[in-house]
């Protein structure tokens, strides 16, 4: 009897999770795929895709889910976001002027904004590095702006 109850509960939880994923319009890989211009890395790796255009792009998971994110001191989820822009040079702009707005789509929540960014250098190219904070799990839209170029995408944040 306990086994049946456990299986029923597990099935219901999986159904609820699947339903929640269908509600969130996560950003999907574009067709045709965006391929960064030279000299940037072309292959995004397993289970990921490049999203954006030559003016501003990022790396996203194919399923649109960010899970297992760490918690900050306020018990909010957070993640680092790398942004690429053709011609960006971290030596000439070590603290990029980036605006990031994070807005929840599936419930009322405070809008998170940050202008903090730094840079990173690997694979012989510069990247803009910023952070995003999520007050809870759910469906979140992220808009990043750098040098008048916008990039908007949607992710599902799960524990």
N, C-alpha and C. Protein backbone atom coordinates (compact mmCIF):
# COMPACT_ATOMS: atom_id res chain seq x y z
N UNK A 1 0.82 -1.19 0.00
CA UNK A 1 0.00 0.00 0.00
C UNK A 1 0.87 1.26 0.00
N UNK A 2 1.95 1.25 0.83
CA UNK A 2 2.85 2.40 0.87
C UNK A 2 3.54 2.59 -0.47
N UNK A 3 3.91 1.50 -1.13
CA UNK A 3 4.58 1.59 -2.42
C UNK A 3 3.67 2.25 -3.44
N UNK A 4 2.40 1.86 -3.46
CA UNK A 4 1.45 2.46 -4.40
C UNK A 4 1.27 3.93 -4.10
N UNK A 5 1.15 4.28 -2.81
CA UNK A 5 0.98 5.69 -2.43
C UNK A 5 2.22 6.49 -2.85
N UNK A 6 3.42 5.93 -2.61
CA UNK A 6 4.65 6.60 -3.01
C UNK A 6 4.70 6.81 -4.51
N UNK A 7 4.39 5.76 -5.29
CA UNK A 7 4.41 5.88 -6.74
C UNK A 7 3.38 6.89 -7.23
N UNK A 8 2.21 6.91 -6.63
CA UNK A 8 1.18 7.87 -7.01
C UNK A 8 1.64 9.29 -6.72
N UNK A 9 2.24 9.49 -5.56
CA UNK A 9 2.74 10.81 -5.19
C UNK A 9 3.86 11.23 -6.14
N UNK A 10 4.77 10.32 -6.45
CA UNK A 10 5.87 10.64 -7.36
C UNK A 10 5.34 10.97 -8.75
N UNK A 11 4.37 10.23 -9.23
CA UNK A 11 3.80 10.49 -10.55
C UNK A 11 3.12 11.86 -10.57
N UNK A 12 2.41 12.21 -9.50
CA UNK A 12 1.74 13.50 -9.42
C UNK A 12 2.77 14.64 -9.41
N UNK A 13 3.86 14.44 -8.66
CA UNK A 13 4.91 15.46 -8.63
C UNK A 13 5.54 15.65 -10.00
N UNK A 14 5.79 14.56 -10.71
CA UNK A 14 6.36 14.66 -12.06
C UNK A 14 5.39 15.33 -13.01
N UNK A 15 4.12 15.03 -12.89
CA UNK A 15 3.11 15.66 -13.75
C UNK A 15 3.06 17.16 -13.48
N UNK A 16 3.11 17.54 -12.20
CA UNK A 16 3.10 18.97 -11.86
C UNK A 16 4.34 19.66 -12.40
N UNK A 17 5.49 19.00 -12.31
CA UNK A 17 6.72 19.57 -12.84
C UNK A 17 6.63 19.74 -14.35
N UNK A 18 6.11 18.75 -15.03
CA UNK A 18 5.95 18.84 -16.49
C UNK A 18 4.99 19.95 -16.85
N UNK A 19 3.90 20.07 -16.10
CA UNK A 19 2.93 21.14 -16.38
C UNK A 19 3.57 22.50 -16.17
N UNK A 20 4.37 22.63 -15.11
CA UNK A 20 5.04 23.90 -14.84
C UNK A 20 5.99 24.26 -15.98
N UNK A 21 6.69 23.26 -16.52
CA UNK A 21 7.61 23.52 -17.63
C UNK A 21 6.87 23.97 -18.87
N UNK A 22 5.68 23.44 -19.11
CA UNK A 22 4.91 23.83 -20.28
C UNK A 22 4.38 25.25 -20.17
N UNK A 23 4.20 25.74 -18.95
CA UNK A 23 3.70 27.08 -18.73
C UNK A 23 4.79 28.11 -19.02
N UNK A 24 6.01 27.78 -18.75
CA UNK A 24 7.12 28.71 -18.91
C UNK A 24 7.63 28.67 -20.36
N UNK A 25 7.52 29.80 -21.06
CA UNK A 25 7.99 29.83 -22.45
C UNK A 25 9.50 30.00 -22.55
N UNK A 26 10.25 28.98 -22.09
CA UNK A 26 11.70 29.08 -22.09
C UNK A 26 12.22 29.31 -23.50
N UNK A 27 13.34 29.98 -23.58
CA UNK A 27 13.98 30.24 -24.86
C UNK A 27 14.53 28.95 -25.43
N UNK A 28 14.17 28.67 -26.65
CA UNK A 28 14.59 27.44 -27.34
C UNK A 28 15.67 27.78 -28.37
N UNK A 29 16.42 26.76 -28.77
CA UNK A 29 17.45 27.00 -29.80
C UNK A 29 16.83 27.54 -31.08
N UNK A 30 17.43 28.57 -31.66
CA UNK A 30 16.89 29.12 -32.91
C UNK A 30 17.19 28.20 -34.09
N UNK A 31 16.39 28.34 -35.12
CA UNK A 31 16.62 27.60 -36.35
C UNK A 31 16.56 28.59 -37.51
N UNK A 32 17.65 28.81 -38.19
CA UNK A 32 18.94 28.13 -38.06
C UNK A 32 19.66 28.57 -36.78
N UNK A 33 20.59 27.76 -36.36
CA UNK A 33 21.35 28.04 -35.15
C UNK A 33 22.20 29.29 -35.33
N UNK A 34 22.34 30.05 -34.25
CA UNK A 34 23.27 31.18 -34.27
C UNK A 34 24.67 30.64 -34.07
N UNK A 35 25.57 31.04 -34.93
CA UNK A 35 26.98 30.65 -34.82
C UNK A 35 27.79 31.93 -34.62
N UNK A 36 28.49 32.04 -33.50
CA UNK A 36 29.27 33.25 -33.25
C UNK A 36 30.32 33.49 -34.34
N UNK A 37 30.59 34.77 -34.60
CA UNK A 37 31.61 35.08 -35.61
C UNK A 37 33.01 34.73 -35.11
N UNK A 38 33.93 34.56 -36.03
CA UNK A 38 35.33 34.32 -35.67
C UNK A 38 35.82 35.54 -34.89
N UNK A 39 36.63 35.37 -33.90
CA UNK A 39 37.36 34.20 -33.47
C UNK A 39 36.67 33.45 -32.32
N UNK A 40 35.38 33.69 -32.09
CA UNK A 40 34.69 33.11 -30.95
C UNK A 40 34.42 31.62 -31.15
N UNK A 41 34.29 30.91 -30.03
CA UNK A 41 34.04 29.47 -30.06
C UNK A 41 32.72 29.18 -30.78
N UNK A 42 32.75 28.25 -31.71
CA UNK A 42 31.57 27.89 -32.49
C UNK A 42 30.74 26.83 -31.78
N UNK A 43 31.39 25.84 -31.19
CA UNK A 43 30.69 24.73 -30.55
C UNK A 43 30.28 25.12 -29.13
N UNK A 44 28.97 25.15 -28.82
CA UNK A 44 28.55 25.53 -27.48
C UNK A 44 28.69 24.42 -26.45
N UNK A 45 28.99 23.21 -26.87
CA UNK A 45 29.09 22.09 -25.95
C UNK A 45 27.79 21.31 -25.87
N UNK A 46 27.79 20.28 -25.05
CA UNK A 46 26.62 19.42 -24.92
C UNK A 46 25.48 20.14 -24.19
N UNK A 47 24.26 19.88 -24.63
CA UNK A 47 23.06 20.36 -23.96
C UNK A 47 22.99 21.88 -23.83
N UNK A 48 23.63 22.59 -24.75
CA UNK A 48 23.61 24.05 -24.71
C UNK A 48 23.55 24.59 -26.14
N UNK A 49 23.19 25.86 -26.24
CA UNK A 49 23.17 26.52 -27.54
C UNK A 49 23.48 28.00 -27.36
N UNK A 50 23.98 28.58 -28.44
CA UNK A 50 24.23 30.02 -28.47
C UNK A 50 22.91 30.71 -28.78
N UNK A 51 22.66 31.82 -28.07
CA UNK A 51 21.44 32.58 -28.32
C UNK A 51 21.79 34.06 -28.43
N UNK A 52 21.30 34.69 -29.49
CA UNK A 52 21.52 36.11 -29.70
C UNK A 52 21.97 36.36 -31.12
N UNK A 53 22.77 37.39 -31.29
CA UNK A 53 23.34 37.72 -32.59
C UNK A 53 24.73 38.31 -32.36
N UNK A 54 25.39 38.73 -33.43
CA UNK A 54 26.77 39.19 -33.30
C UNK A 54 26.92 40.38 -32.37
N UNK A 55 25.82 41.10 -32.14
CA UNK A 55 25.88 42.28 -31.28
C UNK A 55 25.85 41.93 -29.79
N UNK A 56 25.24 40.81 -29.44
CA UNK A 56 25.19 40.37 -28.04
C UNK A 56 24.63 38.96 -28.00
N UNK A 57 25.34 38.02 -27.37
CA UNK A 57 24.85 36.65 -27.28
C UNK A 57 25.29 36.02 -25.97
N UNK A 58 24.64 34.89 -25.66
CA UNK A 58 24.92 34.14 -24.44
C UNK A 58 24.79 32.66 -24.72
N UNK A 59 25.08 31.86 -23.71
CA UNK A 59 24.98 30.40 -23.79
C UNK A 59 23.82 29.97 -22.91
N UNK A 60 22.90 29.18 -23.46
CA UNK A 60 21.72 28.74 -22.72
C UNK A 60 21.60 27.22 -22.76
N UNK A 61 20.94 26.63 -21.75
CA UNK A 61 20.69 25.19 -21.78
C UNK A 61 19.57 24.85 -22.75
N UNK A 62 19.69 23.75 -23.46
CA UNK A 62 18.69 23.36 -24.45
C UNK A 62 17.31 23.21 -23.84
N UNK A 63 17.23 22.68 -22.62
CA UNK A 63 15.91 22.50 -22.00
C UNK A 63 15.38 23.76 -21.34
N UNK A 64 16.17 24.83 -21.30
CA UNK A 64 15.72 26.09 -20.73
C UNK A 64 15.66 26.13 -19.22
N UNK A 65 16.25 25.13 -18.57
CA UNK A 65 16.15 25.02 -17.11
C UNK A 65 17.50 25.32 -16.46
N UNK A 66 17.46 26.20 -15.46
CA UNK A 66 18.60 26.41 -14.58
C UNK A 66 18.22 25.78 -13.25
N UNK A 67 18.88 24.70 -12.89
CA UNK A 67 18.57 24.03 -11.62
C UNK A 67 19.84 23.87 -10.80
N UNK A 68 19.65 23.67 -9.51
CA UNK A 68 20.78 23.48 -8.62
C UNK A 68 21.60 24.75 -8.42
N UNK A 69 20.97 25.91 -8.59
CA UNK A 69 21.69 27.17 -8.42
C UNK A 69 22.01 27.40 -6.95
N UNK A 70 23.13 28.04 -6.68
CA UNK A 70 23.46 28.36 -5.29
C UNK A 70 22.53 29.44 -4.74
N UNK A 71 22.49 29.54 -3.42
CA UNK A 71 21.73 30.58 -2.74
C UNK A 71 22.69 31.64 -2.22
N UNK A 72 22.27 32.91 -2.31
CA UNK A 72 23.10 33.97 -1.75
C UNK A 72 22.76 34.17 -0.28
N UNK A 73 23.32 35.19 0.36
CA UNK A 73 23.12 35.42 1.79
C UNK A 73 21.65 35.69 2.13
N UNK A 74 20.88 36.19 1.16
CA UNK A 74 19.45 36.47 1.37
C UNK A 74 18.56 35.28 1.02
N UNK A 75 19.17 34.14 0.75
CA UNK A 75 18.43 32.91 0.40
C UNK A 75 17.74 33.03 -0.96
N UNK A 76 18.30 33.83 -1.85
CA UNK A 76 17.81 33.92 -3.23
C UNK A 76 18.74 33.13 -4.13
N UNK A 77 18.17 32.55 -5.17
CA UNK A 77 18.99 31.86 -6.16
C UNK A 77 19.77 32.89 -6.96
N UNK A 78 20.98 32.52 -7.37
CA UNK A 78 21.73 33.41 -8.26
C UNK A 78 22.54 32.60 -9.25
N UNK A 79 22.88 33.26 -10.35
CA UNK A 79 23.67 32.61 -11.38
C UNK A 79 24.54 33.66 -12.06
N UNK A 80 25.63 33.22 -12.60
CA UNK A 80 26.48 34.09 -13.41
C UNK A 80 26.05 33.96 -14.86
N UNK A 81 26.07 35.07 -15.56
CA UNK A 81 25.71 35.08 -16.98
C UNK A 81 26.88 35.66 -17.76
N UNK A 82 27.34 34.88 -18.73
CA UNK A 82 28.38 35.35 -19.64
C UNK A 82 27.71 35.91 -20.88
N UNK A 83 28.17 37.07 -21.30
CA UNK A 83 27.68 37.70 -22.52
C UNK A 83 28.87 37.94 -23.44
N UNK A 84 28.66 37.67 -24.70
CA UNK A 84 29.69 37.93 -25.69
C UNK A 84 29.20 39.02 -26.62
N UNK A 85 30.15 39.81 -27.09
CA UNK A 85 29.83 40.86 -28.07
C UNK A 85 31.04 41.01 -28.98
N UNK A 86 30.77 40.96 -30.27
CA UNK A 86 31.87 41.06 -31.22
C UNK A 86 32.62 42.36 -30.98
N UNK A 87 33.93 42.22 -30.78
CA UNK A 87 34.78 43.38 -30.57
C UNK A 87 34.93 43.81 -29.13
N UNK A 88 34.20 43.18 -28.19
CA UNK A 88 34.34 43.58 -26.79
C UNK A 88 35.77 43.27 -26.32
N UNK A 89 36.38 44.23 -25.61
CA UNK A 89 37.74 44.08 -25.11
C UNK A 89 37.75 44.45 -23.63
N UNK A 90 38.00 43.46 -22.78
CA UNK A 90 38.02 43.68 -21.35
C UNK A 90 39.16 44.57 -20.88
N UNK A 91 40.19 44.75 -21.70
CA UNK A 91 41.28 45.65 -21.31
C UNK A 91 40.85 47.10 -21.43
N UNK A 92 40.04 47.42 -22.43
CA UNK A 92 39.59 48.80 -22.61
C UNK A 92 38.30 49.10 -21.86
N UNK A 93 37.54 48.06 -21.51
CA UNK A 93 36.31 48.24 -20.73
C UNK A 93 36.25 47.16 -19.64
N UNK A 94 37.09 47.31 -18.59
CA UNK A 94 37.17 46.27 -17.58
C UNK A 94 35.89 46.09 -16.76
N UNK A 95 35.12 47.15 -16.61
CA UNK A 95 33.82 47.06 -15.93
C UNK A 95 32.75 47.54 -16.91
N UNK A 96 32.26 46.63 -17.73
CA UNK A 96 31.32 47.00 -18.78
C UNK A 96 30.05 47.65 -18.23
N UNK A 97 29.54 48.60 -18.97
CA UNK A 97 28.30 49.27 -18.62
C UNK A 97 27.14 48.40 -19.10
N UNK A 98 26.71 47.49 -18.23
CA UNK A 98 25.67 46.53 -18.57
C UNK A 98 24.48 46.76 -17.64
N UNK A 99 23.28 46.75 -18.21
CA UNK A 99 22.06 46.78 -17.42
C UNK A 99 21.40 45.42 -17.56
N UNK A 100 21.01 44.83 -16.44
CA UNK A 100 20.32 43.55 -16.45
C UNK A 100 19.03 43.70 -15.66
N UNK A 101 17.92 43.27 -16.28
CA UNK A 101 16.61 43.29 -15.63
C UNK A 101 16.08 41.87 -15.61
N UNK A 102 15.67 41.41 -14.42
CA UNK A 102 15.15 40.06 -14.25
C UNK A 102 13.71 40.19 -13.76
N UNK A 103 12.79 39.61 -14.53
CA UNK A 103 11.37 39.76 -14.24
C UNK A 103 10.69 38.40 -14.24
N UNK A 104 9.91 38.13 -13.20
CA UNK A 104 9.20 36.85 -13.13
C UNK A 104 7.96 36.90 -14.01
N UNK A 105 7.73 35.84 -14.79
CA UNK A 105 6.61 35.79 -15.72
C UNK A 105 5.40 35.04 -15.19
N UNK A 106 5.60 34.11 -14.26
CA UNK A 106 4.50 33.25 -13.84
C UNK A 106 3.90 33.61 -12.47
N UNK A 107 4.34 34.69 -11.87
CA UNK A 107 3.81 35.13 -10.58
C UNK A 107 4.29 36.55 -10.32
N UNK A 108 3.64 37.20 -9.37
CA UNK A 108 4.09 38.53 -8.98
C UNK A 108 5.36 38.41 -8.16
N UNK A 109 6.35 39.18 -8.50
CA UNK A 109 7.61 39.20 -7.77
C UNK A 109 8.31 40.51 -8.07
N UNK A 110 9.17 40.91 -7.17
CA UNK A 110 9.94 42.13 -7.38
C UNK A 110 10.84 41.95 -8.60
N UNK A 111 11.00 43.02 -9.34
CA UNK A 111 11.92 43.03 -10.49
C UNK A 111 13.32 43.26 -9.94
N UNK A 112 14.25 42.45 -10.39
CA UNK A 112 15.64 42.58 -9.98
C UNK A 112 16.41 43.30 -11.07
N UNK A 113 17.19 44.31 -10.68
CA UNK A 113 18.02 45.05 -11.64
C UNK A 113 19.43 45.13 -11.11
N UNK A 114 20.38 45.04 -12.04
CA UNK A 114 21.78 45.24 -11.66
C UNK A 114 22.51 45.93 -12.81
N UNK A 115 23.52 46.67 -12.45
CA UNK A 115 24.39 47.28 -13.45
C UNK A 115 25.82 46.81 -13.25
N UNK A 116 26.00 45.87 -12.32
CA UNK A 116 27.34 45.37 -12.04
C UNK A 116 27.76 44.37 -13.11
N UNK A 117 28.94 44.54 -13.60
CA UNK A 117 29.52 43.57 -14.53
C UNK A 117 31.03 43.66 -14.44
N UNK A 118 31.65 42.58 -14.80
CA UNK A 118 33.10 42.52 -14.90
C UNK A 118 33.41 41.80 -16.21
N UNK A 119 34.56 41.21 -16.33
CA UNK A 119 34.88 40.53 -17.57
C UNK A 119 35.60 39.21 -17.27
N UNK A 120 35.73 38.43 -18.30
CA UNK A 120 36.46 37.17 -18.23
C UNK A 120 37.18 36.98 -19.55
N UNK A 121 38.25 36.22 -19.51
CA UNK A 121 39.02 35.96 -20.73
C UNK A 121 39.36 34.48 -20.77
N UNK A 122 38.82 33.77 -21.75
CA UNK A 122 39.23 32.39 -22.00
C UNK A 122 38.97 32.06 -23.46
N UNK A 123 39.60 31.01 -23.92
CA UNK A 123 39.57 30.66 -25.35
C UNK A 123 39.99 31.84 -26.22
N UNK A 124 40.90 32.64 -25.69
CA UNK A 124 41.47 33.77 -26.43
C UNK A 124 40.45 34.85 -26.79
N UNK A 125 39.35 34.90 -26.07
CA UNK A 125 38.35 35.95 -26.32
C UNK A 125 37.86 36.52 -24.99
N UNK A 126 37.38 37.76 -25.04
CA UNK A 126 36.82 38.43 -23.87
C UNK A 126 35.32 38.18 -23.80
N UNK A 127 34.84 38.08 -22.55
CA UNK A 127 33.42 37.97 -22.28
C UNK A 127 33.04 38.98 -21.20
N UNK A 128 31.79 39.41 -21.25
CA UNK A 128 31.23 40.22 -20.18
C UNK A 128 30.63 39.24 -19.17
N UNK A 129 30.88 39.47 -17.91
CA UNK A 129 30.37 38.59 -16.87
C UNK A 129 29.53 39.40 -15.89
N UNK A 130 28.28 38.98 -15.71
CA UNK A 130 27.40 39.64 -14.77
C UNK A 130 26.66 38.58 -13.96
N UNK A 131 25.87 39.03 -13.02
CA UNK A 131 25.12 38.07 -12.21
C UNK A 131 23.64 38.39 -12.27
N UNK A 132 22.83 37.38 -11.98
CA UNK A 132 21.38 37.55 -11.90
C UNK A 132 20.91 36.91 -10.60
N UNK A 133 19.88 37.50 -10.02
CA UNK A 133 19.31 36.99 -8.78
C UNK A 133 17.84 36.70 -8.99
N UNK A 134 17.39 35.58 -8.45
CA UNK A 134 15.99 35.16 -8.55
C UNK A 134 15.46 35.01 -7.13
N UNK A 135 14.35 35.67 -6.84
CA UNK A 135 13.78 35.63 -5.50
C UNK A 135 13.23 34.25 -5.15
N UNK A 136 12.95 33.45 -6.17
CA UNK A 136 12.39 32.12 -5.95
C UNK A 136 12.54 31.32 -7.23
N UNK A 137 12.14 30.06 -7.18
CA UNK A 137 12.08 29.28 -8.41
C UNK A 137 10.92 29.82 -9.24
N UNK A 138 10.87 29.49 -10.51
CA UNK A 138 9.80 29.94 -11.37
C UNK A 138 10.29 30.26 -12.76
N UNK A 139 9.46 30.98 -13.48
CA UNK A 139 9.73 31.35 -14.87
C UNK A 139 10.22 32.80 -14.90
N UNK A 140 11.42 33.00 -15.42
CA UNK A 140 12.05 34.31 -15.35
C UNK A 140 12.54 34.78 -16.72
N UNK A 141 12.28 36.04 -17.00
CA UNK A 141 12.77 36.70 -18.22
C UNK A 141 13.96 37.57 -17.84
N UNK A 142 15.03 37.44 -18.60
CA UNK A 142 16.25 38.20 -18.34
C UNK A 142 16.55 39.06 -19.57
N UNK A 143 16.74 40.35 -19.34
CA UNK A 143 17.11 41.26 -20.42
C UNK A 143 18.43 41.93 -20.05
N UNK A 144 19.43 41.75 -20.90
CA UNK A 144 20.73 42.39 -20.70
C UNK A 144 20.94 43.40 -21.81
N UNK A 145 21.50 44.55 -21.44
CA UNK A 145 21.76 45.61 -22.41
C UNK A 145 23.20 46.07 -22.27
N UNK A 146 23.90 46.14 -23.39
CA UNK A 146 25.27 46.65 -23.43
C UNK A 146 25.46 47.39 -24.74
N UNK A 147 25.96 48.61 -24.66
CA UNK A 147 26.19 49.44 -25.86
C UNK A 147 24.96 49.51 -26.77
N UNK A 148 23.81 49.73 -26.17
CA UNK A 148 22.52 49.88 -26.88
C UNK A 148 22.06 48.60 -27.56
N UNK A 149 22.67 47.47 -27.25
CA UNK A 149 22.23 46.18 -27.79
C UNK A 149 21.54 45.41 -26.67
N UNK A 150 20.34 44.89 -26.97
CA UNK A 150 19.55 44.14 -25.99
C UNK A 150 19.56 42.66 -26.32
N UNK A 151 19.50 41.86 -25.27
CA UNK A 151 19.36 40.42 -25.39
C UNK A 151 18.36 39.99 -24.33
N UNK A 152 17.25 39.36 -24.77
CA UNK A 152 16.21 38.90 -23.85
C UNK A 152 16.01 37.41 -24.03
N UNK A 153 15.96 36.70 -22.91
CA UNK A 153 15.70 35.26 -22.94
C UNK A 153 14.93 34.86 -21.69
N UNK A 154 14.34 33.67 -21.72
CA UNK A 154 13.52 33.17 -20.62
C UNK A 154 14.08 31.82 -20.16
N UNK A 155 14.20 31.67 -18.84
CA UNK A 155 14.65 30.41 -18.25
C UNK A 155 13.69 30.00 -17.13
N UNK A 156 13.65 28.71 -16.88
CA UNK A 156 12.90 28.18 -15.76
C UNK A 156 13.90 27.87 -14.65
N UNK A 157 13.75 28.54 -13.50
CA UNK A 157 14.63 28.32 -12.37
C UNK A 157 13.98 27.28 -11.47
N UNK A 158 14.70 26.19 -11.25
CA UNK A 158 14.19 25.09 -10.43
C UNK A 158 15.21 24.73 -9.37
N UNK A 159 14.73 24.22 -8.22
CA UNK A 159 15.67 23.90 -7.13
C UNK A 159 16.65 22.80 -7.51
